């Protein structure tokens, strides 16, 4: 679980490590948006803006995982 939290923190420039409940909420919202036809990357961004109060707070230079990889990891919680 810590791995997906850190990956979400890096991908979305969060100033905190997401909680378990935040990861589950992000995953559910992103999955729902994808089912509605939103592209995975856009769905992940929209869900992150909705769930994480400090979305895009810091700029981190790191290779980020795909939304599909993050959702797969989040589903294992």
C-alpha atoms as a PDB file:
ATOM      1  CA  UNK A   1       0.000   0.000   0.000  1.00  0.00           C
ATOM      2  CA  UNK A   2       2.788   2.438   0.826  1.00  0.00           C
ATOM      3  CA  UNK A   3       4.114   2.021  -2.700  1.00  0.00           C
ATOM      4  CA  UNK A   4       0.892   3.213  -4.367  1.00  0.00           C
ATOM      5  CA  UNK A   5       0.626   6.085  -1.878  1.00  0.00           C
ATOM      6  CA  UNK A   6       4.101   7.272  -2.758  1.00  0.00           C
ATOM      7  CA  UNK A   7       3.407   6.908  -6.482  1.00  0.00           C
ATOM      8  CA  UNK A   8       0.230   8.963  -6.184  1.00  0.00           C
ATOM      9  CA  UNK A   9       2.089  11.579  -4.152  1.00  0.00           C
ATOM     10  CA  UNK A  10       4.721  11.866  -6.880  1.00  0.00           C
ATOM     11  CA  UNK A  11       2.331  11.764  -9.841  1.00  0.00           C
ATOM     12  CA  UNK A  12       0.014  14.436  -8.506  1.00  0.00           C
ATOM     13  CA  UNK A  13       2.497  16.644  -6.655  1.00  0.00           C
ATOM     14  CA  UNK A  14       0.939  16.093  -3.255  1.00  0.00           C
ATOM     15  CA  UNK A  15       2.411  17.634  -0.146  1.00  0.00           C
ATOM     16  CA  UNK A  16       1.283  14.659   1.958  1.00  0.00           C
ATOM     17  CA  UNK A  17       1.134  10.886   1.715  1.00  0.00           C
ATOM     18  CA  UNK A  18      -2.444   9.900   0.892  1.00  0.00           C
ATOM     19  CA  UNK A  19      -4.382   7.904   3.451  1.00  0.00           C
ATOM     20  CA  UNK A  20      -5.873   4.493   2.689  1.00  0.00           C
ATOM     21  CA  UNK A  21      -9.315   6.064   2.413  1.00  0.00           C
ATOM     22  CA  UNK A  22      -8.041   8.748   0.010  1.00  0.00           C
ATOM     23  CA  UNK A  23      -6.457   6.092  -2.198  1.00  0.00           C
ATOM     24  CA  UNK A  24      -9.716   4.118  -2.275  1.00  0.00           C
ATOM     25  CA  UNK A  25     -11.749   7.257  -3.026  1.00  0.00           C
ATOM     26  CA  UNK A  26      -9.355   8.307  -5.810  1.00  0.00           C
ATOM     27  CA  UNK A  27      -9.490   4.809  -7.296  1.00  0.00           C
ATOM     28  CA  UNK A  28     -13.302   4.675  -7.232  1.00  0.00           C
ATOM     29  CA  UNK A  29     -13.659   8.104  -8.831  1.00  0.00           C
ATOM     30  CA  UNK A  30     -11.053   7.422 -11.499  1.00  0.00           C
ATOM     31  CA  UNK A  31     -12.635   4.045 -12.330  1.00  0.00           C
ATOM     32  CA  UNK A  32     -16.072   5.658 -12.580  1.00  0.00           C
ATOM     33  CA  UNK A  33     -14.816   8.359 -14.937  1.00  0.00           C
ATOM     34  CA  UNK A  34     -13.063   5.791 -17.115  1.00  0.00           C
ATOM     35  CA  UNK A  35     -16.304   3.817 -17.365  1.00  0.00           C
ATOM     36  CA  UNK A  36     -17.994   7.042 -18.522  1.00  0.00           C
ATOM     37  CA  UNK A  37     -15.483   7.281 -21.366  1.00  0.00           C
ATOM     38  CA  UNK A  38     -12.935   9.723 -19.950  1.00  0.00           C
ATOM     39  CA  UNK A  39      -9.340   8.862 -20.877  1.00  0.00           C
ATOM     40  CA  UNK A  40      -7.433   7.198 -18.030  1.00  0.00           C
ATOM     41  CA  UNK A  41      -4.933  10.044 -17.566  1.00  0.00           C
ATOM     42  CA  UNK A  42      -7.674  12.685 -17.491  1.00  0.00           C
ATOM     43  CA  UNK A  43      -9.800  10.538 -15.179  1.00  0.00           C
ATOM     44  CA  UNK A  44      -6.866  10.216 -12.786  1.00  0.00           C
ATOM     45  CA  UNK A  45      -6.289  13.988 -12.807  1.00  0.00           C
ATOM     46  CA  UNK A  46      -9.953  14.787 -12.224  1.00  0.00           C
ATOM     47  CA  UNK A  47     -10.176  12.284  -9.389  1.00  0.00           C
ATOM     48  CA  UNK A  48      -6.968  13.629  -7.837  1.00  0.00           C
ATOM     49  CA  UNK A  49      -8.221  17.238  -7.969  1.00  0.00           C
ATOM     50  CA  UNK A  50     -11.426  16.095  -6.295  1.00  0.00           C
ATOM     51  CA  UNK A  51      -9.872  13.935  -3.566  1.00  0.00           C
ATOM     52  CA  UNK A  52      -6.520  15.469  -2.654  1.00  0.00           C
ATOM     53  CA  UNK A  53      -6.689  18.966  -1.115  1.00  0.00           C
ATOM     54  CA  UNK A  54      -3.062  19.647  -2.013  1.00  0.00           C
ATOM     55  CA  UNK A  55      -3.225  18.411  -5.633  1.00  0.00           C
ATOM     56  CA  UNK A  56      -0.366  19.848  -7.696  1.00  0.00           C
ATOM     57  CA  UNK A  57       1.081  21.636  -4.688  1.00  0.00           C
ATOM     58  CA  UNK A  58       4.673  20.645  -5.366  1.00  0.00           C
ATOM     59  CA  UNK A  59       6.534  19.969  -8.572  1.00  0.00           C
ATOM     60  CA  UNK A  60       8.440  16.721  -8.614  1.00  0.00           C
ATOM     61  CA  UNK A  61      10.623  15.555 -11.457  1.00  0.00           C
ATOM     62  CA  UNK A  62       9.993  11.831 -11.588  1.00  0.00           C
ATOM     63  CA  UNK A  63       8.768   9.304 -14.081  1.00  0.00           C
ATOM     64  CA  UNK A  64       5.191   8.666 -13.093  1.00  0.00           C
ATOM     65  CA  UNK A  65       3.257   5.448 -13.380  1.00  0.00           C
ATOM     66  CA  UNK A  66       0.333   5.084 -15.733  1.00  0.00           C
ATOM     67  CA  UNK A  67      -3.160   5.417 -14.335  1.00  0.00           C
ATOM     68  CA  UNK A  68      -3.775   1.770 -15.133  1.00  0.00           C
ATOM     69  CA  UNK A  69      -0.778   0.714 -13.011  1.00  0.00           C
ATOM     70  CA  UNK A  70      -1.875   2.946 -10.143  1.00  0.00           C
ATOM     71  CA  UNK A  71      -5.453   1.696 -10.249  1.00  0.00           C
ATOM     72  CA  UNK A  72      -4.238  -1.900 -10.260  1.00  0.00           C
ATOM     73  CA  UNK A  73      -2.129  -1.229  -7.165  1.00  0.00           C
ATOM     74  CA  UNK A  74      -4.964   0.662  -5.452  1.00  0.00           C
ATOM     75  CA  UNK A  75      -7.399  -2.197  -6.030  1.00  0.00           C
ATOM     76  CA  UNK A  76      -5.165  -4.447  -3.936  1.00  0.00           C
ATOM     77  CA  UNK A  77      -5.854  -2.420  -0.809  1.00  0.00           C
END
